[in-house]
Amino acid sequence: MGDDSAVASSAVLSFRRVSRAIAIVVIPMTGLTGCLGAQDTGDIRLSTGGAELCAPAKVGESLVIGDVAELASGVTPQTLLGAELIDADGIELVEVAVLPFADDGGSIGTMSLDNPNANWEQRVDVKGAVVDEEHANIVVTVRRTGTEVARAEGIRLEYEGAWRPSYAESNVTFTLEDSCS
C-alpha cells in the first residue's frame, strides 16, 4: 500500500509541474489574441478619395448604396466575410450583397428599391461570396432611422486574408437627407 501512495504522490507532483508549464505557455499566448485581429492587407481596395455622397431619403425609407471592390494586382480570389457601416448615425444596415455589374459595365452609386437595377435579383449575400474577378460591385441596403441628417463615414468590407481575416475601408462619406442640395 505504501508503494501506491508514493506513486500517487509522484503523479501529483508531475501533474503540478505540467500544469505550471502549460500555464506559463498559455497565459502569454492569450495576451496575443488582440494583436491577431483583422488588418488591412491591401488585397482588396474600396473607393477612396474622401468624396461625399448625398442621397434623398425620408425617415424609414431604404435605398441601396454601392461601392466597387478591386482586387490588388496578382492577388488570388478572396472570400468575403461581411461588411458594416463605419461610424453610422441614423442609418441602419439592412442587407449587404455582391451584385453583377450592369450590362454597360456600370456600378451602382445609389439606387432606389422602387426602381432597382436590372441585375438586382442576381445579387448574392456578401458572406461567403468570392471576389474572383478584378472588380466586384458591393451594395449595401440601408434604412434611414434618424430624424436628423443620417450619416456614415464609409463601408468596411471584411474578407478572408492569407493568414487571418482582413478588411478594406472606403472613405466615401454618405448622408441621407430629406433633400440634397
Protein backbone atom coordinates (compact mmCIF):
# COMPACT_ATOMS: atom_id res chain seq x y z
CA MET A 1 0.00 0.00 0.00
CA GLY A 2 2.93 2.33 0.70
CA ASP A 3 4.12 1.95 -2.90
CA ASP A 4 0.74 3.13 -4.22
CA SER A 5 0.95 6.22 -2.05
CA ALA A 6 4.42 7.05 -3.38
CA VAL A 7 3.21 6.61 -6.99
CA ALA A 8 0.18 8.83 -6.32
CA SER A 9 2.37 11.49 -4.71
CA SER A 10 4.77 11.35 -7.67
CA ALA A 11 1.84 11.66 -10.11
CA VAL A 12 0.54 14.75 -8.27
CA LEU A 13 3.96 16.39 -8.43
CA SER A 14 4.27 15.59 -12.14
CA PHE A 15 0.79 16.95 -12.80
CA ARG A 16 1.64 20.17 -10.94
CA ARG A 17 4.83 20.61 -12.99
CA VAL A 18 2.97 20.01 -16.25
CA SER A 19 0.09 22.32 -15.32
CA ARG A 20 2.57 25.09 -14.40
CA ALA A 21 4.32 24.60 -17.73
CA ILE A 22 1.00 24.80 -19.57
CA ALA A 23 0.05 27.93 -17.63
CA ILE A 24 3.38 29.53 -18.50
CA VAL A 25 2.82 28.81 -22.20
CA VAL A 26 -0.93 29.55 -22.38
CA ILE A 27 -1.06 32.80 -20.42
CA PRO A 28 1.39 34.73 -22.62
CA MET A 29 -0.29 33.39 -25.79
CA THR A 30 -3.74 34.56 -24.70
CA GLY A 31 -2.39 38.08 -24.49
CA LEU A 32 -1.62 37.96 -28.21
CA THR A 33 -5.18 37.42 -29.41
CA GLY A 34 -5.88 41.15 -29.60
CA CYS A 35 -2.94 41.52 -31.95
CA LEU A 36 -4.21 38.79 -34.23
CA GLY A 37 -7.41 40.60 -35.25
CA ALA A 38 -8.35 41.76 -38.72
CA GLN A 39 -5.98 44.04 -40.56
CA ASP A 40 -5.96 45.99 -43.81
CA THR A 41 -3.67 43.91 -46.04
CA GLY A 42 -4.44 45.82 -49.23
CA ASP A 43 -5.57 42.69 -51.10
CA ILE A 44 -8.94 44.36 -51.73
CA ARG A 45 -9.45 48.11 -52.13
CA LEU A 46 -12.65 50.13 -51.93
CA SER A 47 -13.29 53.71 -53.10
CA THR A 48 -11.01 56.31 -51.61
CA GLY A 49 -10.56 59.98 -52.14
CA GLY A 50 -12.72 61.40 -49.39
CA ALA A 51 -15.78 62.11 -51.56
CA GLU A 52 -19.21 62.82 -50.11
CA LEU A 53 -22.39 61.30 -51.47
CA CYS A 54 -25.85 62.60 -50.53
CA ALA A 55 -28.99 60.60 -51.27
CA PRO A 56 -32.53 61.82 -50.65
CA ALA A 57 -34.39 59.50 -48.28
CA LYS A 58 -37.24 60.09 -45.84
CA VAL A 59 -37.12 58.61 -42.32
CA GLY A 60 -37.90 54.89 -42.59
CA GLU A 61 -37.05 54.74 -46.30
CA SER A 62 -34.49 52.23 -47.60
CA LEU A 63 -32.14 52.60 -50.52
CA VAL A 64 -29.04 50.96 -51.92
CA ILE A 65 -25.53 52.41 -51.89
CA GLY A 66 -22.82 50.76 -53.93
CA ASP A 67 -19.04 50.64 -53.99
CA VAL A 68 -16.57 48.81 -56.18
CA ALA A 69 -14.18 46.37 -54.54
CA GLU A 70 -10.98 45.97 -56.54
CA LEU A 71 -8.54 43.08 -56.16
CA ALA A 72 -4.92 44.16 -55.94
CA SER A 73 -2.73 43.03 -58.82
CA GLY A 74 -1.65 39.39 -58.52
CA VAL A 75 -3.98 38.62 -55.61
CA THR A 76 -5.82 35.30 -55.61
CA PRO A 77 -9.63 35.22 -55.25
CA GLN A 78 -10.84 36.43 -51.85
CA THR A 79 -13.80 35.12 -49.83
CA LEU A 80 -15.90 37.86 -48.27
CA LEU A 81 -16.93 37.56 -44.62
CA GLY A 82 -19.26 40.53 -44.21
CA ALA A 83 -19.50 44.30 -44.16
CA GLU A 84 -20.52 47.09 -41.84
CA LEU A 85 -21.02 50.84 -41.90
CA ILE A 86 -18.28 52.98 -40.40
CA ASP A 87 -19.39 55.45 -37.70
CA ALA A 88 -23.04 55.23 -38.72
CA ASP A 89 -25.51 57.64 -37.15
CA GLY A 90 -29.20 57.49 -38.02
CA ILE A 91 -28.66 54.69 -40.55
CA GLU A 92 -29.48 51.00 -40.15
CA LEU A 93 -27.76 48.35 -42.26
CA VAL A 94 -30.42 46.10 -43.83
CA GLU A 95 -28.52 43.93 -46.33
CA VAL A 96 -25.05 43.59 -47.86
CA ALA A 97 -24.66 41.84 -51.20
CA VAL A 98 -22.48 41.40 -54.25
CA LEU A 99 -24.28 42.43 -57.41
CA PRO A 100 -23.24 41.71 -61.00
CA PHE A 101 -22.25 44.81 -62.94
CA ALA A 102 -24.83 46.27 -65.30
CA ASP A 103 -24.62 45.21 -68.95
CA ASP A 104 -22.91 48.51 -69.73
CA GLY A 105 -20.29 47.75 -67.05
CA GLY A 106 -21.63 50.40 -64.72
CA SER A 107 -21.76 50.08 -60.96
CA ILE A 108 -24.28 51.47 -58.51
CA GLY A 109 -23.71 54.75 -56.68
CA THR A 110 -27.20 54.89 -55.16
CA MET A 111 -30.36 53.10 -56.19
CA SER A 112 -33.99 53.28 -55.14
CA LEU A 113 -35.63 49.97 -54.31
CA ASP A 114 -38.73 51.29 -56.14
CA ASN A 115 -36.79 51.12 -59.41
CA PRO A 116 -34.00 48.54 -58.97
CA ASN A 117 -31.16 47.77 -61.35
CA ALA A 118 -31.90 45.04 -63.94
CA ASN A 119 -29.37 42.78 -62.15
CA TRP A 120 -30.86 43.29 -58.66
CA GLU A 121 -32.41 39.82 -58.47
CA GLN A 122 -28.97 38.27 -59.21
CA ARG A 123 -27.39 39.66 -56.05
CA VAL A 124 -25.82 37.22 -53.60
CA ASP A 125 -25.25 37.63 -49.87
CA VAL A 126 -21.82 39.06 -49.17
CA LYS A 127 -21.00 36.40 -46.56
CA GLY A 128 -19.20 33.62 -48.40
CA ALA A 129 -19.20 35.37 -51.78
CA VAL A 130 -15.91 35.10 -53.65
CA VAL A 131 -14.32 38.03 -55.46
CA ASP A 132 -12.56 36.22 -58.28
CA GLU A 133 -12.55 38.91 -60.93
CA GLU A 134 -10.70 42.19 -60.99
CA HIS A 135 -13.70 44.12 -59.59
CA ALA A 136 -16.85 43.36 -57.60
CA ASN A 137 -19.94 45.52 -57.10
CA ILE A 138 -20.58 45.66 -53.34
CA VAL A 139 -24.02 47.01 -52.43
CA VAL A 140 -25.44 47.87 -49.02
CA THR A 141 -29.14 48.39 -48.43
CA VAL A 142 -29.59 50.96 -45.69
CA ARG A 143 -32.60 52.45 -43.92
CA ARG A 144 -32.71 55.98 -42.59
CA THR A 145 -33.70 55.80 -38.93
CA GLY A 146 -32.75 59.25 -37.67
CA THR A 147 -34.84 62.39 -37.99
CA GLU A 148 -31.74 64.49 -38.41
CA VAL A 149 -29.34 64.02 -41.30
CA ALA A 150 -28.24 60.38 -41.31
CA ARG A 151 -24.57 59.74 -41.98
CA ALA A 152 -21.91 57.03 -42.31
CA GLU A 153 -18.22 57.55 -42.88
CA GLY A 154 -17.92 54.65 -45.32
CA ILE A 155 -18.09 50.88 -45.62
CA ARG A 156 -15.80 48.30 -44.02
CA LEU A 157 -15.60 45.07 -46.05
CA GLU A 158 -14.19 42.04 -44.24
CA TYR A 159 -12.62 39.17 -46.16
CA GLU A 160 -10.59 36.03 -45.57
CA GLY A 161 -6.92 37.03 -45.74
CA ALA A 162 -3.97 34.74 -46.27
CA TRP A 163 -3.19 34.49 -42.53
CA ARG A 164 -6.22 35.99 -40.81
CA PRO A 165 -9.37 37.99 -41.53
CA SER A 166 -8.63 41.25 -43.29
CA TYR A 167 -10.62 44.33 -44.19
CA ALA A 168 -10.84 47.15 -46.67
CA GLU A 169 -12.44 50.51 -45.87
CA SER A 170 -13.89 53.14 -48.15
CA ASN A 171 -13.60 56.72 -47.06
CA VAL A 172 -16.55 57.94 -49.08
CA THR A 173 -18.94 59.58 -46.62
CA PHE A 174 -22.62 59.26 -47.41
CA THR A 175 -25.57 61.09 -45.96
CA LEU A 176 -29.29 60.50 -46.20
CA GLU A 177 -31.43 63.65 -46.04
CA ASP A 178 -34.96 64.72 -46.87
CA SER A 179 -33.49 66.50 -49.90
CA CYS A 180 -29.93 67.06 -51.06
CA SER A 181 -28.86 70.47 -52.31
